[in-house]
Amino acid sequence: MDSFFIRSEIPADIPAIFEVNLQAFGQDGEARLVRALRNDGDYIHGLSLVAVHEDRIIGHILFVPVSIESDHAHVPAVALAPLSVCSEYQCQGVGSSLIEEGLRACRQLGHRIVIVVGHPSYYPRFGFTTAAVLGIKAPFPCQNEVFMACPLVPGALDGIHGTVRYPPAFDTEGAHAG
């Protein structure tokens, strides 16, 4: 599908972003998470992107600040959470375009590491690898192969290990909440 473009979220997009997340996931957990992250200030301007087709928002991606914490260091990173595409536009390159543009925006803003919980057959094409093999752990139970990290610059993950700390909304609204 070639007839869409990607841009940064604007305030008028907020209701449509909620609806895209609701429709894409078939429940409101991710939509509530995005709203809570925005309300809590755990939001990076320029890293909430929308895909637009004929004046309709058909996809959304959000990157939020996280850290990788060990006894010796707190390394800043961002988490891709969530990525949503309306069901009628899935498998048409919208999600891939959102990820590629999002990673480009992360690099441009100086971020070095991205964390994601996602499909192990989808995210490696964008440079993600299983975080556990790098010594990076999830703060919640999940299968190793779905918890991944991506270096945005060469060497960004060298010597990095610890547990990822997410913003509080992930504990109250996120997929691993309650």
C-alpha atoms as a PDB file:
ATOM      1  CA  MET A   1       0.000   0.000   0.000  1.00  0.00           C
ATOM      2  CA  ASP A   2       1.629   3.231  -1.147  1.00  0.00           C
ATOM      3  CA  SER A   3      -1.040   5.778  -0.316  1.00  0.00           C
ATOM      4  CA  PHE A   4      -0.187   6.614   3.283  1.00  0.00           C
ATOM      5  CA  PHE A   5       2.314   8.838   4.994  1.00  0.00           C
ATOM      6  CA  ILE A   6       3.833   8.965   8.461  1.00  0.00           C
ATOM      7  CA  ARG A   7       4.052  12.002  10.696  1.00  0.00           C
ATOM      8  CA  SER A   8       4.381  12.918  14.349  1.00  0.00           C
ATOM      9  CA  GLU A   9       1.276  12.837  16.500  1.00  0.00           C
ATOM     10  CA  ILE A  10      -0.545  16.125  17.036  1.00  0.00           C
ATOM     11  CA  PRO A  11      -3.061  16.772  19.855  1.00  0.00           C
ATOM     12  CA  ALA A  12      -6.046  16.384  17.513  1.00  0.00           C
ATOM     13  CA  ASP A  13      -4.909  12.784  16.818  1.00  0.00           C
ATOM     14  CA  ILE A  14      -5.358  11.556  20.388  1.00  0.00           C
ATOM     15  CA  PRO A  15      -8.930  10.177  20.032  1.00  0.00           C
ATOM     16  CA  ALA A  16      -8.065   8.478  16.724  1.00  0.00           C
ATOM     17  CA  ILE A  17      -4.913   6.929  18.234  1.00  0.00           C
ATOM     18  CA  PHE A  18      -7.040   5.483  21.038  1.00  0.00           C
ATOM     19  CA  GLU A  19      -9.412   4.007  18.440  1.00  0.00           C
ATOM     20  CA  VAL A  20      -6.598   2.553  16.298  1.00  0.00           C
ATOM     21  CA  ASN A  21      -5.119   0.790  19.333  1.00  0.00           C
ATOM     22  CA  LEU A  22      -8.554  -0.419  20.439  1.00  0.00           C
ATOM     23  CA  GLN A  23      -9.410  -1.755  16.974  1.00  0.00           C
ATOM     24  CA  ALA A  24      -5.968  -3.277  16.302  1.00  0.00           C
ATOM     25  CA  PHE A  25      -5.828  -5.214  19.554  1.00  0.00           C
ATOM     26  CA  GLY A  26      -9.524  -5.988  19.973  1.00  0.00           C
ATOM     27  CA  GLN A  27      -9.464  -4.698  23.558  1.00  0.00           C
ATOM     28  CA  ASP A  28      -8.527  -1.449  25.266  1.00  0.00           C
ATOM     29  CA  GLY A  29      -5.361  -2.374  27.200  1.00  0.00           C
ATOM     30  CA  GLU A  30      -2.886  -0.832  24.758  1.00  0.00           C
ATOM     31  CA  ALA A  31      -5.139   2.190  24.160  1.00  0.00           C
ATOM     32  CA  ARG A  32      -5.323   2.836  27.911  1.00  0.00           C
ATOM     33  CA  LEU A  33      -1.548   2.332  28.188  1.00  0.00           C
ATOM     34  CA  VAL A  34      -0.871   4.965  25.523  1.00  0.00           C
ATOM     35  CA  ARG A  35      -3.251   7.383  27.231  1.00  0.00           C
ATOM     36  CA  ALA A  36      -1.641   6.765  30.643  1.00  0.00           C
ATOM     37  CA  LEU A  37       1.897   7.198  29.271  1.00  0.00           C
ATOM     38  CA  ARG A  38       0.897  10.487  27.664  1.00  0.00           C
ATOM     39  CA  ASN A  39      -0.885  11.686  30.822  1.00  0.00           C
ATOM     40  CA  ASP A  40       2.054  10.697  33.046  1.00  0.00           C
ATOM     41  CA  GLY A  41       4.543  12.553  30.855  1.00  0.00           C
ATOM     42  CA  ASP A  42       6.339   9.351  29.850  1.00  0.00           C
ATOM     43  CA  TYR A  43       6.195  10.452  26.282  1.00  0.00           C
ATOM     44  CA  ILE A  44       8.937  11.726  24.000  1.00  0.00           C
ATOM     45  CA  HIS A  45       7.869  14.430  21.562  1.00  0.00           C
ATOM     46  CA  GLY A  46       8.515  13.187  18.054  1.00  0.00           C
ATOM     47  CA  LEU A  47       8.377   9.504  19.011  1.00  0.00           C
ATOM     48  CA  SER A  48       4.633   9.051  18.790  1.00  0.00           C
ATOM     49  CA  LEU A  49       4.055   8.570  15.080  1.00  0.00           C
ATOM     50  CA  VAL A  50       0.916   7.967  13.061  1.00  0.00           C
ATOM     51  CA  ALA A  51       0.310   6.489   9.627  1.00  0.00           C
ATOM     52  CA  VAL A  52      -2.330   8.452   7.712  1.00  0.00           C
ATOM     53  CA  HIS A  53      -4.354   7.271   4.708  1.00  0.00           C
ATOM     54  CA  GLU A  54      -6.917   9.620   3.153  1.00  0.00           C
ATOM     55  CA  ASP A  55      -7.072  11.790   6.306  1.00  0.00           C
ATOM     56  CA  ARG A  56      -7.624   8.718   8.511  1.00  0.00           C
ATOM     57  CA  ILE A  57      -5.129   7.488  11.071  1.00  0.00           C
ATOM     58  CA  ILE A  58      -4.559   3.820  10.248  1.00  0.00           C
ATOM     59  CA  GLY A  59      -1.533   3.088  12.405  1.00  0.00           C
ATOM     60  CA  HIS A  60       0.398   4.276  15.433  1.00  0.00           C
ATOM     61  CA  ILE A  61       3.758   3.616  17.054  1.00  0.00           C
ATOM     62  CA  LEU A  62       5.050   4.913  20.359  1.00  0.00           C
ATOM     63  CA  PHE A  63       8.526   4.879  21.890  1.00  0.00           C
ATOM     64  CA  VAL A  64       8.845   5.630  25.606  1.00  0.00           C
ATOM     65  CA  PRO A  65      11.840   6.162  27.902  1.00  0.00           C
ATOM     66  CA  VAL A  66      13.098   3.135  29.823  1.00  0.00           C
ATOM     67  CA  SER A  67      16.388   2.241  31.458  1.00  0.00           C
ATOM     68  CA  ILE A  68      18.489  -0.870  31.706  1.00  0.00           C
ATOM     69  CA  GLU A  69      19.518  -1.098  35.341  1.00  0.00           C
ATOM     70  CA  SER A  70      22.261  -3.108  36.989  1.00  0.00           C
ATOM     71  CA  ASP A  71      24.151  -2.736  40.255  1.00  0.00           C
ATOM     72  CA  HIS A  72      26.702  -0.586  38.429  1.00  0.00           C
ATOM     73  CA  ALA A  73      24.783   1.477  35.894  1.00  0.00           C
ATOM     74  CA  HIS A  74      21.497   2.866  34.642  1.00  0.00           C
ATOM     75  CA  VAL A  75      21.633   2.942  30.861  1.00  0.00           C
ATOM     76  CA  PRO A  76      18.964   5.001  29.084  1.00  0.00           C
ATOM     77  CA  ALA A  77      16.983   3.347  26.313  1.00  0.00           C
ATOM     78  CA  VAL A  78      13.553   3.565  24.712  1.00  0.00           C
ATOM     79  CA  ALA A  79      10.856   0.921  24.403  1.00  0.00           C
ATOM     80  CA  LEU A  80       8.709   0.450  21.338  1.00  0.00           C
ATOM     81  CA  ALA A  81       5.277   0.028  22.859  1.00  0.00           C
ATOM     82  CA  PRO A  82       2.855  -0.333  21.272  1.00  0.00           C
ATOM     83  CA  LEU A  83       2.722  -0.668  17.493  1.00  0.00           C
ATOM     84  CA  SER A  84      -0.819  -0.795  16.141  1.00  0.00           C
ATOM     85  CA  VAL A  85      -2.303  -0.958  12.644  1.00  0.00           C
ATOM     86  CA  CYS A  86      -6.015  -1.134  11.840  1.00  0.00           C
ATOM     87  CA  SER A  87      -6.832  -4.690  10.824  1.00  0.00           C
ATOM     88  CA  GLU A  88      -7.876  -3.790   7.271  1.00  0.00           C
ATOM     89  CA  TYR A  89      -4.426  -2.241   6.673  1.00  0.00           C
ATOM     90  CA  GLN A  90      -2.294  -4.968   8.261  1.00  0.00           C
ATOM     91  CA  CYS A  91       0.176  -6.913   6.096  1.00  0.00           C
ATOM     92  CA  GLN A  92       0.447  -3.961   3.692  1.00  0.00           C
ATOM     93  CA  GLY A  93       3.694  -2.419   4.948  1.00  0.00           C
ATOM     94  CA  VAL A  94       2.167   0.103   7.340  1.00  0.00           C
ATOM     95  CA  GLY A  95       3.671  -1.451  10.476  1.00  0.00           C
ATOM     96  CA  SER A  96       7.083  -1.887   8.842  1.00  0.00           C
ATOM     97  CA  SER A  97       7.062   1.722   7.708  1.00  0.00           C
ATOM     98  CA  LEU A  98       6.129   2.911  11.191  1.00  0.00           C
ATOM     99  CA  ILE A  99       8.967   0.884  12.722  1.00  0.00           C
ATOM    100  CA  GLU A 100      11.530   2.073  10.169  1.00  0.00           C
ATOM    101  CA  GLU A 101      10.509   5.716  10.566  1.00  0.00           C
ATOM    102  CA  GLY A 102      10.365   5.338  14.356  1.00  0.00           C
ATOM    103  CA  LEU A 103      13.868   3.866  14.537  1.00  0.00           C
ATOM    104  CA  ARG A 104      15.125   6.656  12.270  1.00  0.00           C
ATOM    105  CA  ALA A 105      13.521   9.255  14.572  1.00  0.00           C
ATOM    106  CA  CYS A 106      15.057   7.556  17.631  1.00  0.00           C
ATOM    107  CA  ARG A 107      18.516   7.738  16.037  1.00  0.00           C
ATOM    108  CA  GLN A 108      17.981  11.358  15.053  1.00  0.00           C
ATOM    109  CA  LEU A 109      17.094  12.228  18.670  1.00  0.00           C
ATOM    110  CA  GLY A 110      20.255  10.511  19.927  1.00  0.00           C
ATOM    111  CA  HIS A 111      18.769   7.332  21.384  1.00  0.00           C
ATOM    112  CA  ARG A 112      21.082   4.335  21.280  1.00  0.00           C
ATOM    113  CA  ILE A 113      19.002   1.294  22.326  1.00  0.00           C
ATOM    114  CA  VAL A 114      15.416   0.187  21.677  1.00  0.00           C
ATOM    115  CA  ILE A 115      13.626  -2.569  23.616  1.00  0.00           C
ATOM    116  CA  VAL A 116      10.509  -4.384  22.378  1.00  0.00           C
ATOM    117  CA  VAL A 117       8.234  -7.212  23.441  1.00  0.00           C
ATOM    118  CA  GLY A 118       6.995  -8.641  20.169  1.00  0.00           C
ATOM    119  CA  HIS A 119       6.829 -11.412  17.625  1.00  0.00           C
ATOM    120  CA  PRO A 120      10.237 -13.099  17.309  1.00  0.00           C
ATOM    121  CA  SER A 121       9.724 -13.718  13.587  1.00  0.00           C
ATOM    122  CA  TYR A 122       8.855 -10.057  12.839  1.00  0.00           C
ATOM    123  CA  TYR A 123      11.205  -7.727  14.731  1.00  0.00           C
ATOM    124  CA  PRO A 124      14.628  -9.241  13.857  1.00  0.00           C
ATOM    125  CA  ARG A 125      14.326  -7.848  10.300  1.00  0.00           C
ATOM    126  CA  PHE A 126      14.649  -4.384  11.885  1.00  0.00           C
ATOM    127  CA  GLY A 127      17.794  -5.280  13.861  1.00  0.00           C
ATOM    128  CA  PHE A 128      16.248  -6.663  17.053  1.00  0.00           C
ATOM    129  CA  THR A 129      17.801  -9.655  18.779  1.00  0.00           C
ATOM    130  CA  THR A 130      16.848 -11.671  21.839  1.00  0.00           C
ATOM    131  CA  ALA A 131      17.763  -9.502  24.834  1.00  0.00           C
ATOM    132  CA  ALA A 132      18.463 -12.424  27.164  1.00  0.00           C
ATOM    133  CA  VAL A 133      21.526 -13.478  25.148  1.00  0.00           C
ATOM    134  CA  LEU A 134      22.874  -9.972  25.774  1.00  0.00           C
ATOM    135  CA  GLY A 135      22.220 -10.182  29.509  1.00  0.00           C
ATOM    136  CA  ILE A 136      19.205  -7.868  29.387  1.00  0.00           C
ATOM    137  CA  LYS A 137      16.190  -9.084  31.348  1.00  0.00           C
ATOM    138  CA  ALA A 138      12.496  -8.230  31.360  1.00  0.00           C
ATOM    139  CA  PRO A 139      11.020  -7.029  34.662  1.00  0.00           C
ATOM    140  CA  PHE A 140       8.000  -9.275  34.112  1.00  0.00           C
ATOM    141  CA  PRO A 141       7.521 -12.897  33.077  1.00  0.00           C
ATOM    142  CA  CYS A 142       7.771 -13.424  29.331  1.00  0.00           C
ATOM    143  CA  GLN A 143       9.370 -15.857  26.940  1.00  0.00           C
ATOM    144  CA  ASN A 144      12.980 -14.983  26.105  1.00  0.00           C
ATOM    145  CA  GLU A 145      12.398 -14.948  22.356  1.00  0.00           C
ATOM    146  CA  VAL A 146       9.756 -12.174  22.540  1.00  0.00           C
ATOM    147  CA  PHE A 147      11.860  -9.775  24.650  1.00  0.00           C
ATOM    148  CA  MET A 148      14.297  -8.106  22.272  1.00  0.00           C
ATOM    149  CA  ALA A 149      16.787  -5.268  22.003  1.00  0.00           C
ATOM    150  CA  CYS A 150      18.096  -3.290  19.044  1.00  0.00           C
ATOM    151  CA  PRO A 151      21.265  -1.198  18.967  1.00  0.00           C
ATOM    152  CA  LEU A 152      20.732   2.033  17.048  1.00  0.00           C
ATOM    153  CA  VAL A 153      24.450   2.708  16.777  1.00  0.00           C
ATOM    154  CA  PRO A 154      27.309   0.207  16.523  1.00  0.00           C
ATOM    155  CA  GLY A 155      28.438  -1.015  19.927  1.00  0.00           C
ATOM    156  CA  ALA A 156      25.465   0.444  21.810  1.00  0.00           C
ATOM    157  CA  LEU A 157      24.769  -2.900  23.507  1.00  0.00           C
ATOM    158  CA  ASP A 158      28.414  -3.789  24.233  1.00  0.00           C
ATOM    159  CA  GLY A 159      28.806  -4.511  27.931  1.00  0.00           C
ATOM    160  CA  ILE A 160      25.187  -3.574  28.695  1.00  0.00           C
ATOM    161  CA  HIS A 161      23.332  -5.896  31.036  1.00  0.00           C
ATOM    162  CA  GLY A 162      20.618  -5.606  33.640  1.00  0.00           C
ATOM    163  CA  THR A 163      16.860  -5.414  33.993  1.00  0.00           C
ATOM    164  CA  VAL A 164      14.738  -3.049  31.941  1.00  0.00           C
ATOM    165  CA  ARG A 165      12.679  -0.577  33.983  1.00  0.00           C
ATOM    166  CA  TYR A 166       9.517   0.648  32.326  1.00  0.00           C
ATOM    167  CA  PRO A 167       7.431   3.708  33.233  1.00  0.00           C
ATOM    168  CA  PRO A 168       4.822   3.078  35.985  1.00  0.00           C
ATOM    169  CA  ALA A 169       1.919   2.950  33.486  1.00  0.00           C
ATOM    170  CA  PHE A 170       3.147  -0.434  32.294  1.00  0.00           C
ATOM    171  CA  ASP A 171       2.452  -1.801  35.756  1.00  0.00           C
ATOM    172  CA  THR A 172      -1.015  -0.252  35.981  1.00  0.00           C
ATOM    173  CA  GLU A 173      -2.209  -0.346  32.360  1.00  0.00           C
ATOM    174  CA  GLY A 174       0.264  -2.467  30.419  1.00  0.00           C
ATOM    175  CA  ALA A 175       0.006  -5.978  29.108  1.00  0.00           C
ATOM    176  CA  HIS A 176       1.753  -7.385  32.193  1.00  0.00           C
ATOM    177  CA  ALA A 177      -0.399  -5.440  34.667  1.00  0.00           C
ATOM    178  CA  GLY A 178      -2.407  -7.309  37.266  1.00  0.00           C
END
